[in-house]
N, C-alpha and C. Protein backbone atom coordinates (compact mmCIF):
# COMPACT_ATOMS: atom_id res chain seq x y z
N MET A 1 -9.69 9.89 -15.38
CA MET A 1 -10.27 8.56 -15.22
C MET A 1 -10.35 8.20 -13.74
N ASN A 2 -11.56 8.00 -13.24
CA ASN A 2 -11.76 7.67 -11.83
C ASN A 2 -12.00 6.16 -11.69
N ILE A 3 -11.17 5.52 -10.87
CA ILE A 3 -11.22 4.06 -10.73
C ILE A 3 -11.44 3.68 -9.27
N LEU A 4 -12.33 2.72 -9.03
CA LEU A 4 -12.59 2.20 -7.70
C LEU A 4 -12.10 0.76 -7.61
N LEU A 5 -11.36 0.44 -6.53
CA LEU A 5 -10.99 -0.94 -6.23
C LEU A 5 -11.82 -1.38 -5.04
N ILE A 6 -12.53 -2.50 -5.17
CA ILE A 6 -13.33 -3.01 -4.06
C ILE A 6 -12.94 -4.45 -3.76
N GLY A 7 -13.31 -4.90 -2.56
CA GLY A 7 -12.98 -6.23 -2.10
C GLY A 7 -12.84 -6.18 -0.59
N PRO A 8 -12.80 -7.33 0.09
CA PRO A 8 -12.69 -7.34 1.55
C PRO A 8 -11.33 -6.82 2.00
N GLN A 9 -11.25 -6.38 3.25
CA GLN A 9 -9.96 -5.97 3.79
C GLN A 9 -9.00 -7.14 3.71
N GLY A 10 -7.77 -6.85 3.31
CA GLY A 10 -6.78 -7.91 3.16
C GLY A 10 -6.69 -8.46 1.75
N CYS A 11 -7.54 -7.95 0.85
CA CYS A 11 -7.51 -8.44 -0.54
C CYS A 11 -6.38 -7.81 -1.34
N GLY A 12 -5.78 -6.75 -0.80
CA GLY A 12 -4.67 -6.11 -1.50
C GLY A 12 -5.04 -4.82 -2.20
N LYS A 13 -6.17 -4.21 -1.81
CA LYS A 13 -6.61 -2.97 -2.46
C LYS A 13 -5.55 -1.87 -2.37
N GLY A 14 -4.98 -1.71 -1.17
CA GLY A 14 -4.01 -0.63 -0.99
C GLY A 14 -2.78 -0.82 -1.85
N THR A 15 -2.26 -2.05 -1.89
CA THR A 15 -1.08 -2.35 -2.71
C THR A 15 -1.36 -2.11 -4.18
N GLN A 16 -2.49 -2.63 -4.66
CA GLN A 16 -2.83 -2.50 -6.08
C GLN A 16 -3.16 -1.07 -6.44
N ALA A 17 -3.79 -0.33 -5.53
CA ALA A 17 -4.11 1.07 -5.79
C ALA A 17 -2.84 1.89 -5.97
N SER A 18 -1.84 1.63 -5.13
CA SER A 18 -0.57 2.35 -5.24
C SER A 18 0.13 2.03 -6.55
N LEU A 19 0.14 0.76 -6.92
CA LEU A 19 0.77 0.35 -8.19
C LEU A 19 0.06 1.00 -9.37
N LEU A 20 -1.27 1.00 -9.32
CA LEU A 20 -2.06 1.55 -10.41
C LEU A 20 -1.92 3.06 -10.50
N ALA A 21 -1.86 3.71 -9.34
CA ALA A 21 -1.69 5.16 -9.32
C ALA A 21 -0.36 5.56 -9.96
N ASN A 22 0.70 4.80 -9.67
CA ASN A 22 2.00 5.07 -10.28
C ASN A 22 1.98 4.78 -11.78
N HIS A 23 1.28 3.72 -12.16
CA HIS A 23 1.20 3.33 -13.57
C HIS A 23 0.47 4.38 -14.40
N LEU A 24 -0.59 4.94 -13.84
CA LEU A 24 -1.42 5.91 -14.57
C LEU A 24 -1.08 7.36 -14.23
N ASP A 25 -0.22 7.54 -13.22
CA ASP A 25 0.19 8.88 -12.76
C ASP A 25 -1.01 9.72 -12.31
N ILE A 26 -1.86 9.12 -11.49
CA ILE A 26 -2.98 9.83 -10.88
C ILE A 26 -3.00 9.49 -9.39
N PRO A 27 -3.60 10.35 -8.54
CA PRO A 27 -3.55 10.13 -7.09
C PRO A 27 -4.31 8.90 -6.61
N HIS A 28 -3.83 8.35 -5.51
CA HIS A 28 -4.49 7.24 -4.82
C HIS A 28 -5.16 7.80 -3.57
N ILE A 29 -6.45 7.60 -3.45
CA ILE A 29 -7.20 8.07 -2.29
C ILE A 29 -7.64 6.88 -1.46
N SER A 30 -7.21 6.84 -0.20
CA SER A 30 -7.62 5.79 0.72
C SER A 30 -8.36 6.43 1.89
N THR A 31 -9.60 6.04 2.11
CA THR A 31 -10.33 6.60 3.24
C THR A 31 -9.64 6.22 4.55
N GLY A 32 -9.01 5.04 4.57
CA GLY A 32 -8.28 4.64 5.76
C GLY A 32 -7.17 5.61 6.08
N ASP A 33 -6.44 6.06 5.05
CA ASP A 33 -5.36 7.02 5.25
C ASP A 33 -5.91 8.37 5.72
N ILE A 34 -7.04 8.79 5.12
CA ILE A 34 -7.67 10.05 5.52
C ILE A 34 -8.03 10.01 7.01
N PHE A 35 -8.61 8.89 7.44
CA PHE A 35 -9.00 8.75 8.84
C PHE A 35 -7.79 8.69 9.76
N ARG A 36 -6.75 7.94 9.37
CA ARG A 36 -5.58 7.82 10.23
C ARG A 36 -4.87 9.16 10.41
N LYS A 37 -4.88 9.98 9.35
CA LYS A 37 -4.27 11.31 9.46
C LYS A 37 -5.06 12.16 10.45
N ASN A 38 -6.39 12.04 10.39
CA ASN A 38 -7.23 12.79 11.34
C ASN A 38 -7.03 12.31 12.77
N ILE A 39 -6.83 10.99 12.93
CA ILE A 39 -6.57 10.44 14.27
C ILE A 39 -5.26 10.99 14.81
N ALA A 40 -4.23 11.00 13.94
CA ALA A 40 -2.91 11.49 14.35
C ALA A 40 -2.95 12.97 14.73
N LEU A 41 -3.81 13.75 14.02
CA LEU A 41 -3.92 15.18 14.29
C LEU A 41 -4.93 15.48 15.40
N ASN A 42 -5.59 14.41 15.89
CA ASN A 42 -6.56 14.53 16.98
C ASN A 42 -7.70 15.49 16.64
N THR A 43 -8.16 15.46 15.39
CA THR A 43 -9.29 16.28 14.97
C THR A 43 -10.58 15.68 15.53
N ASP A 44 -11.69 16.42 15.41
CA ASP A 44 -12.98 15.89 15.86
C ASP A 44 -13.32 14.60 15.13
N LEU A 45 -13.06 14.60 13.80
CA LEU A 45 -13.30 13.39 13.01
C LEU A 45 -12.41 12.25 13.50
N GLY A 46 -11.14 12.59 13.77
CA GLY A 46 -10.20 11.58 14.23
C GLY A 46 -10.61 10.93 15.54
N LYS A 47 -11.14 11.73 16.46
CA LYS A 47 -11.58 11.19 17.75
C LYS A 47 -12.74 10.21 17.58
N ILE A 48 -13.69 10.58 16.71
CA ILE A 48 -14.85 9.70 16.47
C ILE A 48 -14.39 8.39 15.84
N VAL A 49 -13.56 8.50 14.81
CA VAL A 49 -13.08 7.32 14.09
C VAL A 49 -12.25 6.42 15.00
N ASN A 50 -11.40 7.01 15.81
CA ASN A 50 -10.54 6.24 16.70
C ASN A 50 -11.35 5.38 17.67
N ASN A 51 -12.42 5.95 18.21
CA ASN A 51 -13.28 5.20 19.13
C ASN A 51 -13.94 4.02 18.42
N LEU A 52 -14.37 4.24 17.18
CA LEU A 52 -15.02 3.19 16.42
C LEU A 52 -14.04 2.08 16.06
N VAL A 53 -12.83 2.46 15.66
CA VAL A 53 -11.80 1.48 15.28
C VAL A 53 -11.46 0.58 16.46
N LYS A 54 -11.34 1.17 17.64
CA LYS A 54 -11.00 0.40 18.83
C LYS A 54 -12.06 -0.66 19.13
N LYS A 55 -13.31 -0.38 18.73
CA LYS A 55 -14.40 -1.32 18.95
C LYS A 55 -14.55 -2.30 17.79
N GLY A 56 -13.75 -2.10 16.74
CA GLY A 56 -13.85 -2.95 15.56
C GLY A 56 -15.05 -2.64 14.71
N GLU A 57 -15.58 -1.41 14.83
CA GLU A 57 -16.78 -1.02 14.09
C GLU A 57 -16.42 -0.13 12.90
N LEU A 58 -17.32 -0.11 11.91
CA LEU A 58 -17.12 0.74 10.73
C LEU A 58 -17.60 2.17 11.00
N VAL A 59 -17.02 3.11 10.29
CA VAL A 59 -17.41 4.52 10.42
C VAL A 59 -18.77 4.72 9.74
N PRO A 60 -19.72 5.42 10.37
CA PRO A 60 -21.04 5.65 9.78
C PRO A 60 -20.96 6.31 8.40
N ASP A 61 -21.92 5.99 7.56
CA ASP A 61 -21.95 6.47 6.18
C ASP A 61 -21.77 7.97 6.03
N ASP A 62 -22.57 8.73 6.74
CA ASP A 62 -22.57 10.19 6.56
C ASP A 62 -21.22 10.82 6.90
N ILE A 63 -20.53 10.25 7.90
CA ILE A 63 -19.21 10.77 8.27
C ILE A 63 -18.21 10.48 7.16
N VAL A 64 -18.27 9.28 6.61
CA VAL A 64 -17.36 8.90 5.52
C VAL A 64 -17.60 9.77 4.29
N ILE A 65 -18.86 9.95 3.94
CA ILE A 65 -19.22 10.73 2.75
C ILE A 65 -18.71 12.16 2.85
N GLU A 66 -18.91 12.80 3.99
CA GLU A 66 -18.45 14.17 4.17
C GLU A 66 -16.93 14.28 4.12
N ALA A 67 -16.25 13.27 4.68
CA ALA A 67 -14.78 13.27 4.67
C ALA A 67 -14.26 13.18 3.23
N VAL A 68 -14.86 12.30 2.44
CA VAL A 68 -14.44 12.13 1.04
C VAL A 68 -14.78 13.36 0.22
N LYS A 69 -15.98 13.87 0.41
CA LYS A 69 -16.41 15.06 -0.34
C LYS A 69 -15.48 16.23 -0.07
N SER A 70 -15.13 16.43 1.18
CA SER A 70 -14.23 17.52 1.56
C SER A 70 -12.85 17.34 0.93
N TYR A 71 -12.37 16.10 0.93
CA TYR A 71 -11.05 15.80 0.38
C TYR A 71 -11.01 16.04 -1.13
N LEU A 72 -12.10 15.73 -1.82
CA LEU A 72 -12.14 15.86 -3.29
C LEU A 72 -12.35 17.31 -3.76
N LYS A 73 -12.49 18.24 -2.83
CA LYS A 73 -12.69 19.64 -3.22
C LYS A 73 -11.47 20.22 -3.93
N ASN A 74 -10.31 19.57 -3.75
CA ASN A 74 -9.08 20.02 -4.43
C ASN A 74 -9.15 19.56 -5.88
N GLU A 75 -9.90 20.26 -6.70
CA GLU A 75 -10.16 19.84 -8.08
C GLU A 75 -8.89 19.75 -8.93
N GLN A 76 -7.94 20.65 -8.69
CA GLN A 76 -6.72 20.65 -9.49
C GLN A 76 -5.92 19.36 -9.28
N MET A 77 -5.87 18.89 -8.04
CA MET A 77 -5.14 17.68 -7.71
C MET A 77 -5.72 16.46 -8.42
N PHE A 78 -7.03 16.45 -8.62
CA PHE A 78 -7.71 15.30 -9.20
C PHE A 78 -8.19 15.57 -10.63
N GLU A 79 -7.55 16.51 -11.29
CA GLU A 79 -7.96 16.91 -12.63
C GLU A 79 -7.98 15.75 -13.62
N PHE A 80 -7.01 14.83 -13.48
CA PHE A 80 -6.92 13.72 -14.43
C PHE A 80 -7.45 12.41 -13.85
N GLY A 81 -8.13 12.50 -12.71
CA GLY A 81 -8.72 11.31 -12.13
C GLY A 81 -8.04 10.87 -10.85
N PHE A 82 -8.49 9.71 -10.33
CA PHE A 82 -7.93 9.18 -9.08
C PHE A 82 -8.24 7.69 -8.95
N ILE A 83 -7.49 7.04 -8.06
CA ILE A 83 -7.75 5.66 -7.69
C ILE A 83 -8.32 5.68 -6.28
N MET A 84 -9.50 5.12 -6.08
CA MET A 84 -10.15 5.12 -4.77
C MET A 84 -10.18 3.70 -4.20
N ASP A 85 -9.85 3.56 -2.91
CA ASP A 85 -10.08 2.28 -2.25
C ASP A 85 -10.60 2.53 -0.84
N GLY A 86 -11.52 1.69 -0.42
CA GLY A 86 -12.12 1.86 0.91
C GLY A 86 -13.41 2.65 0.92
N PHE A 87 -13.82 3.15 -0.24
CA PHE A 87 -15.06 3.92 -0.35
C PHE A 87 -15.52 3.90 -1.81
N PRO A 88 -16.82 3.70 -2.05
CA PRO A 88 -17.90 3.47 -1.09
C PRO A 88 -17.94 2.03 -0.59
N ARG A 89 -18.54 1.85 0.59
CA ARG A 89 -18.70 0.52 1.18
C ARG A 89 -20.15 0.04 1.11
N THR A 90 -21.07 0.95 0.85
CA THR A 90 -22.50 0.60 0.82
C THR A 90 -23.17 1.23 -0.40
N ILE A 91 -24.35 0.72 -0.73
CA ILE A 91 -25.13 1.29 -1.83
C ILE A 91 -25.46 2.75 -1.53
N TYR A 92 -25.80 3.04 -0.28
CA TYR A 92 -26.11 4.41 0.12
C TYR A 92 -24.93 5.33 -0.15
N GLN A 93 -23.72 4.90 0.26
CA GLN A 93 -22.52 5.70 0.01
C GLN A 93 -22.30 5.90 -1.49
N ALA A 94 -22.53 4.85 -2.28
CA ALA A 94 -22.33 4.93 -3.72
C ALA A 94 -23.27 5.96 -4.34
N GLU A 95 -24.53 5.92 -3.91
CA GLU A 95 -25.52 6.87 -4.45
C GLU A 95 -25.19 8.30 -4.05
N LYS A 96 -24.77 8.50 -2.81
CA LYS A 96 -24.40 9.83 -2.35
C LYS A 96 -23.15 10.34 -3.06
N PHE A 97 -22.19 9.43 -3.31
CA PHE A 97 -20.96 9.79 -4.01
C PHE A 97 -21.27 10.32 -5.41
N GLU A 98 -22.26 9.70 -6.06
CA GLU A 98 -22.61 10.09 -7.42
C GLU A 98 -23.24 11.48 -7.49
N GLU A 99 -23.56 12.06 -6.33
CA GLU A 99 -24.09 13.43 -6.31
C GLU A 99 -22.99 14.46 -6.53
N PHE A 100 -21.71 14.05 -6.29
CA PHE A 100 -20.62 15.00 -6.49
C PHE A 100 -19.44 14.44 -7.31
N SER A 101 -19.50 13.14 -7.66
CA SER A 101 -18.45 12.54 -8.49
C SER A 101 -18.96 11.22 -9.06
N ASP A 102 -18.10 10.48 -9.77
CA ASP A 102 -18.49 9.17 -10.28
C ASP A 102 -17.25 8.35 -10.61
N PHE A 103 -17.46 7.07 -10.98
CA PHE A 103 -16.38 6.18 -11.37
C PHE A 103 -16.54 5.79 -12.84
N ASP A 104 -15.40 5.62 -13.52
CA ASP A 104 -15.40 5.14 -14.89
C ASP A 104 -15.17 3.63 -14.95
N LEU A 105 -14.51 3.10 -13.92
CA LEU A 105 -14.17 1.68 -13.88
C LEU A 105 -14.13 1.21 -12.43
N VAL A 106 -14.70 0.02 -12.16
CA VAL A 106 -14.69 -0.57 -10.83
C VAL A 106 -14.07 -1.96 -10.94
N ILE A 107 -13.05 -2.22 -10.13
CA ILE A 107 -12.36 -3.51 -10.17
C ILE A 107 -12.54 -4.23 -8.84
N LEU A 108 -13.14 -5.42 -8.89
CA LEU A 108 -13.32 -6.26 -7.71
C LEU A 108 -12.11 -7.19 -7.58
N ILE A 109 -11.41 -7.10 -6.44
CA ILE A 109 -10.32 -8.02 -6.14
C ILE A 109 -10.91 -9.13 -5.28
N ASP A 110 -11.16 -10.27 -5.88
CA ASP A 110 -11.91 -11.35 -5.26
C ASP A 110 -11.00 -12.26 -4.42
N VAL A 111 -11.31 -12.38 -3.11
CA VAL A 111 -10.50 -13.18 -2.19
C VAL A 111 -11.44 -13.85 -1.18
N SER A 112 -11.16 -15.11 -0.82
CA SER A 112 -11.99 -15.84 0.14
C SER A 112 -11.77 -15.33 1.56
N ASP A 113 -12.74 -15.58 2.44
CA ASP A 113 -12.63 -15.17 3.84
C ASP A 113 -11.41 -15.79 4.51
N GLU A 114 -11.14 -17.07 4.20
CA GLU A 114 -10.02 -17.77 4.83
C GLU A 114 -8.69 -17.09 4.51
N VAL A 115 -8.52 -16.69 3.27
CA VAL A 115 -7.30 -16.02 2.85
C VAL A 115 -7.20 -14.64 3.48
N VAL A 116 -8.32 -13.94 3.58
CA VAL A 116 -8.35 -12.61 4.20
C VAL A 116 -7.84 -12.68 5.64
N ILE A 117 -8.37 -13.61 6.42
CA ILE A 117 -7.97 -13.74 7.83
C ILE A 117 -6.48 -14.06 7.94
N LYS A 118 -6.01 -14.99 7.13
CA LYS A 118 -4.61 -15.38 7.16
C LYS A 118 -3.70 -14.20 6.82
N ARG A 119 -4.10 -13.40 5.85
CA ARG A 119 -3.29 -12.25 5.44
C ARG A 119 -3.26 -11.16 6.50
N ILE A 120 -4.42 -10.82 7.05
CA ILE A 120 -4.48 -9.67 7.95
C ILE A 120 -3.75 -9.91 9.26
N VAL A 121 -3.82 -11.13 9.80
CA VAL A 121 -3.12 -11.38 11.06
C VAL A 121 -1.60 -11.37 10.84
N SER A 122 -1.18 -11.38 9.56
CA SER A 122 0.25 -11.32 9.24
C SER A 122 0.66 -9.94 8.73
N ARG A 123 -0.24 -8.95 8.88
CA ARG A 123 0.01 -7.62 8.32
C ARG A 123 0.68 -6.68 9.32
N LYS A 124 1.60 -5.86 8.81
CA LYS A 124 2.25 -4.83 9.61
C LYS A 124 2.26 -3.53 8.80
N THR A 125 2.16 -2.41 9.52
CA THR A 125 2.03 -1.10 8.86
C THR A 125 3.09 -0.14 9.39
N CYS A 126 3.58 0.73 8.49
CA CYS A 126 4.51 1.77 8.90
C CYS A 126 3.72 2.94 9.51
N PRO A 127 3.98 3.31 10.76
CA PRO A 127 3.24 4.41 11.40
C PRO A 127 3.60 5.78 10.83
N ASN A 128 4.68 5.84 10.05
CA ASN A 128 5.13 7.12 9.50
C ASN A 128 4.57 7.38 8.11
N CYS A 129 4.76 6.44 7.17
CA CYS A 129 4.33 6.66 5.79
C CYS A 129 3.13 5.81 5.38
N SER A 130 2.63 4.98 6.30
CA SER A 130 1.42 4.16 6.10
C SER A 130 1.60 3.01 5.11
N LYS A 131 2.83 2.71 4.68
CA LYS A 131 3.05 1.59 3.77
C LYS A 131 2.73 0.29 4.52
N VAL A 132 2.02 -0.61 3.82
CA VAL A 132 1.58 -1.86 4.44
C VAL A 132 2.43 -3.04 3.94
N TYR A 133 2.80 -3.91 4.87
CA TYR A 133 3.57 -5.10 4.54
C TYR A 133 2.83 -6.33 5.04
N ASN A 134 3.19 -7.50 4.49
CA ASN A 134 2.65 -8.76 4.98
C ASN A 134 3.82 -9.71 5.17
N THR A 135 3.95 -10.25 6.37
CA THR A 135 5.10 -11.10 6.68
C THR A 135 5.11 -12.38 5.86
N LEU A 136 3.97 -12.75 5.26
CA LEU A 136 3.89 -13.96 4.46
C LEU A 136 4.11 -13.69 2.97
N THR A 137 3.47 -12.65 2.46
CA THR A 137 3.48 -12.42 1.01
C THR A 137 4.28 -11.20 0.56
N ASN A 138 4.46 -10.22 1.45
CA ASN A 138 5.17 -9.00 1.07
C ASN A 138 5.97 -8.45 2.25
N PRO A 139 6.97 -9.22 2.72
CA PRO A 139 7.73 -8.79 3.89
C PRO A 139 8.68 -7.64 3.58
N PRO A 140 9.05 -6.84 4.58
CA PRO A 140 10.03 -5.77 4.35
C PRO A 140 11.41 -6.39 4.12
N LYS A 141 12.30 -5.65 3.49
CA LYS A 141 13.65 -6.16 3.22
C LYS A 141 14.40 -6.41 4.51
N ILE A 142 14.21 -5.51 5.49
CA ILE A 142 14.79 -5.67 6.82
C ILE A 142 13.65 -5.94 7.79
N LYS A 143 13.75 -7.00 8.57
CA LYS A 143 12.67 -7.40 9.46
C LYS A 143 12.16 -6.25 10.33
N ASP A 144 10.83 -6.03 10.27
CA ASP A 144 10.14 -5.03 11.10
C ASP A 144 10.58 -3.59 10.83
N ARG A 145 11.20 -3.34 9.67
CA ARG A 145 11.60 -1.98 9.29
C ARG A 145 11.00 -1.62 7.94
N CYS A 146 10.46 -0.41 7.83
CA CYS A 146 9.86 0.05 6.59
C CYS A 146 10.94 0.24 5.51
N ASP A 147 10.68 -0.29 4.32
CA ASP A 147 11.62 -0.15 3.20
C ASP A 147 11.76 1.31 2.77
N VAL A 148 10.71 2.10 2.96
CA VAL A 148 10.68 3.48 2.46
C VAL A 148 11.37 4.45 3.41
N CYS A 149 10.98 4.39 4.70
CA CYS A 149 11.50 5.40 5.64
C CYS A 149 12.27 4.85 6.83
N GLY A 150 12.32 3.52 6.95
CA GLY A 150 13.11 2.92 8.01
C GLY A 150 12.46 2.85 9.37
N GLN A 151 11.22 3.32 9.49
CA GLN A 151 10.53 3.28 10.77
C GLN A 151 10.23 1.83 11.19
N VAL A 152 10.11 1.62 12.50
CA VAL A 152 9.74 0.30 13.01
C VAL A 152 8.27 0.04 12.70
N LEU A 153 7.97 -1.10 12.10
CA LEU A 153 6.60 -1.43 11.71
C LEU A 153 5.76 -1.80 12.94
N THR A 154 4.47 -1.54 12.84
CA THR A 154 3.56 -1.85 13.94
C THR A 154 2.38 -2.67 13.44
N ILE A 155 1.67 -3.28 14.38
CA ILE A 155 0.45 -4.02 14.06
C ILE A 155 -0.73 -3.15 14.47
N ARG A 156 -1.64 -2.90 13.53
CA ARG A 156 -2.79 -2.06 13.84
C ARG A 156 -3.67 -2.71 14.90
N ALA A 157 -4.29 -1.87 15.74
CA ALA A 157 -5.11 -2.36 16.85
C ALA A 157 -6.25 -3.25 16.39
N ASP A 158 -6.77 -3.01 15.18
CA ASP A 158 -7.91 -3.77 14.70
C ASP A 158 -7.52 -4.96 13.83
N ASP A 159 -6.22 -5.27 13.75
CA ASP A 159 -5.77 -6.42 12.95
C ASP A 159 -5.67 -7.68 13.81
N ASN A 160 -6.79 -8.06 14.39
CA ASN A 160 -6.87 -9.30 15.16
C ASN A 160 -8.06 -10.10 14.64
N LYS A 161 -8.08 -11.41 14.91
CA LYS A 161 -9.07 -12.30 14.30
C LYS A 161 -10.51 -11.88 14.61
N GLU A 162 -10.79 -11.47 15.85
CA GLU A 162 -12.15 -11.08 16.22
C GLU A 162 -12.62 -9.87 15.42
N SER A 163 -11.78 -8.84 15.33
CA SER A 163 -12.13 -7.64 14.57
C SER A 163 -12.27 -7.94 13.08
N ILE A 164 -11.39 -8.80 12.57
CA ILE A 164 -11.44 -9.16 11.15
C ILE A 164 -12.75 -9.85 10.82
N GLN A 165 -13.18 -10.79 11.67
CA GLN A 165 -14.44 -11.50 11.41
C GLN A 165 -15.63 -10.55 11.43
N LYS A 166 -15.60 -9.55 12.32
CA LYS A 166 -16.67 -8.55 12.36
C LYS A 166 -16.69 -7.75 11.05
N ARG A 167 -15.50 -7.37 10.58
CA ARG A 167 -15.42 -6.58 9.35
C ARG A 167 -15.86 -7.40 8.13
N LEU A 168 -15.55 -8.69 8.15
CA LEU A 168 -15.99 -9.56 7.05
C LEU A 168 -17.52 -9.70 7.03
N GLU A 169 -18.11 -9.79 8.21
CA GLU A 169 -19.58 -9.86 8.30
C GLU A 169 -20.19 -8.60 7.71
N SER A 170 -19.62 -7.44 8.05
CA SER A 170 -20.11 -6.17 7.52
C SER A 170 -19.90 -6.09 6.02
N TYR A 171 -18.76 -6.61 5.54
CA TYR A 171 -18.48 -6.60 4.10
C TYR A 171 -19.54 -7.40 3.34
N HIS A 172 -19.81 -8.61 3.81
CA HIS A 172 -20.79 -9.46 3.11
C HIS A 172 -22.19 -8.85 3.14
N LEU A 173 -22.53 -8.21 4.24
CA LEU A 173 -23.87 -7.63 4.38
C LEU A 173 -24.02 -6.32 3.62
N GLN A 174 -23.02 -5.44 3.71
CA GLN A 174 -23.16 -4.08 3.19
C GLN A 174 -22.43 -3.82 1.87
N THR A 175 -21.23 -4.38 1.72
CA THR A 175 -20.42 -4.03 0.57
C THR A 175 -20.63 -4.94 -0.64
N LYS A 176 -20.89 -6.21 -0.40
CA LYS A 176 -21.07 -7.14 -1.52
C LYS A 176 -22.18 -6.69 -2.50
N PRO A 177 -23.27 -6.07 -2.02
CA PRO A 177 -24.30 -5.60 -2.96
C PRO A 177 -23.75 -4.61 -3.99
N LEU A 178 -22.62 -3.95 -3.70
CA LEU A 178 -22.02 -3.02 -4.66
C LEU A 178 -21.56 -3.74 -5.93
N ILE A 179 -21.26 -5.03 -5.79
CA ILE A 179 -20.81 -5.81 -6.95
C ILE A 179 -21.90 -5.80 -8.02
N ASP A 180 -23.13 -6.14 -7.63
CA ASP A 180 -24.25 -6.12 -8.58
C ASP A 180 -24.57 -4.69 -9.03
N TYR A 181 -24.43 -3.75 -8.10
CA TYR A 181 -24.72 -2.34 -8.39
C TYR A 181 -23.87 -1.84 -9.56
N TYR A 182 -22.56 -2.10 -9.49
CA TYR A 182 -21.66 -1.62 -10.54
C TYR A 182 -21.67 -2.54 -11.77
N LYS A 183 -22.01 -3.81 -11.55
CA LYS A 183 -22.14 -4.73 -12.69
C LYS A 183 -23.26 -4.27 -13.61
N LYS A 184 -24.37 -3.84 -13.02
CA LYS A 184 -25.51 -3.36 -13.80
C LYS A 184 -25.17 -2.09 -14.58
N LYS A 185 -24.21 -1.32 -14.06
CA LYS A 185 -23.77 -0.11 -14.75
C LYS A 185 -22.79 -0.44 -15.89
N GLY A 186 -22.33 -1.69 -15.94
CA GLY A 186 -21.42 -2.12 -17.00
C GLY A 186 -19.98 -1.71 -16.81
N ILE A 187 -19.60 -1.33 -15.58
CA ILE A 187 -18.23 -0.85 -15.36
C ILE A 187 -17.43 -1.75 -14.41
N LEU A 188 -17.99 -2.91 -14.03
CA LEU A 188 -17.31 -3.81 -13.10
C LEU A 188 -16.42 -4.82 -13.82
N ARG A 189 -15.20 -5.00 -13.29
CA ARG A 189 -14.28 -6.03 -13.76
C ARG A 189 -13.84 -6.83 -12.53
N VAL A 190 -13.57 -8.13 -12.69
CA VAL A 190 -13.19 -8.99 -11.58
C VAL A 190 -11.83 -9.61 -11.82
N VAL A 191 -10.95 -9.57 -10.77
CA VAL A 191 -9.64 -10.22 -10.85
C VAL A 191 -9.48 -11.15 -9.66
N ASP A 192 -8.64 -12.17 -9.80
CA ASP A 192 -8.40 -13.15 -8.75
C ASP A 192 -7.36 -12.61 -7.78
N GLY A 193 -7.81 -12.17 -6.61
CA GLY A 193 -6.92 -11.56 -5.63
C GLY A 193 -6.08 -12.54 -4.84
N GLU A 194 -6.26 -13.85 -5.08
CA GLU A 194 -5.47 -14.83 -4.34
C GLU A 194 -4.15 -15.15 -5.02
N ASN A 195 -3.91 -14.54 -6.19
CA ASN A 195 -2.63 -14.66 -6.86
C ASN A 195 -1.61 -13.73 -6.19
N SER A 196 -0.38 -13.76 -6.66
CA SER A 196 0.64 -12.85 -6.14
C SER A 196 0.28 -11.43 -6.53
N ALA A 197 0.84 -10.45 -5.81
CA ALA A 197 0.56 -9.04 -6.09
C ALA A 197 0.90 -8.70 -7.54
N GLU A 198 1.99 -9.28 -8.04
CA GLU A 198 2.42 -9.01 -9.42
C GLU A 198 1.39 -9.53 -10.43
N LYS A 199 0.89 -10.74 -10.19
CA LYS A 199 -0.08 -11.32 -11.11
C LYS A 199 -1.42 -10.58 -11.06
N VAL A 200 -1.80 -10.16 -9.85
CA VAL A 200 -3.05 -9.40 -9.70
C VAL A 200 -2.94 -8.09 -10.48
N PHE A 201 -1.79 -7.44 -10.38
CA PHE A 201 -1.60 -6.16 -11.09
C PHE A 201 -1.66 -6.35 -12.60
N GLU A 202 -1.11 -7.45 -13.08
CA GLU A 202 -1.17 -7.73 -14.52
C GLU A 202 -2.62 -7.92 -14.96
N GLN A 203 -3.42 -8.60 -14.13
CA GLN A 203 -4.83 -8.78 -14.43
C GLN A 203 -5.56 -7.44 -14.49
N ILE A 204 -5.24 -6.58 -13.52
CA ILE A 204 -5.87 -5.26 -13.48
C ILE A 204 -5.54 -4.46 -14.73
N LYS A 205 -4.28 -4.47 -15.12
CA LYS A 205 -3.87 -3.71 -16.32
C LYS A 205 -4.58 -4.25 -17.56
N GLU A 206 -4.83 -5.55 -17.61
CA GLU A 206 -5.54 -6.13 -18.75
C GLU A 206 -6.98 -5.63 -18.82
N ASN A 207 -7.50 -5.20 -17.68
CA ASN A 207 -8.88 -4.73 -17.62
C ASN A 207 -9.03 -3.23 -17.75
N LEU A 208 -7.92 -2.54 -18.02
CA LEU A 208 -7.99 -1.10 -18.24
C LEU A 208 -8.46 -0.86 -19.67
N VAL A 209 -9.74 -0.70 -19.82
CA VAL A 209 -10.35 -0.60 -21.14
C VAL A 209 -9.90 0.65 -21.90
N PHE A 210 -9.29 1.59 -21.17
CA PHE A 210 -8.89 2.82 -21.82
C PHE A 210 -7.41 2.79 -22.23
N GLY A 211 -6.73 1.63 -22.03
CA GLY A 211 -5.36 1.46 -22.53
C GLY A 211 -4.31 1.75 -21.52
């Protein structure tokens, strides 16, 4: 069962994808994680992505598509499906994705721009295991320390108000059309992302049509 979580950055896709992956025992694929690993390894892809991130710009479609396609080549790992977040972001990406895979269910985590900005400026990430925290809604047990590995948490370079507003503009222009795209396919479900993470997850589980 292949599931896509969509919504603006800061809506909680990563948190909900991890919870859902554990619940269904299938892998969670984050394009953000794929890119950050490439940046850390200083690959050609990583260098391109790093330059774009510093400018607050999105990665071009064709680069994203090839990265995802290459990652999904491990058929055994994804034999029983996967949870995807961060891709596709555009209709073009969605159409290209369908040339080598597809989704059975798409869940929109609906959150207002105001809430997105408030959440992201309060976000901190573990540089070691990539676990994301929010000082307002999901703080670590020990201040500025990752609950999982104990590393000191950091603030991502693009988690500032100016970069967030640029990403929201891109989301409304490019990603929002995916809502109608998947709605027409009959596989879209919508949950209120402004609730607590626990309540959002309960809503998501209620929308798992396959049980």
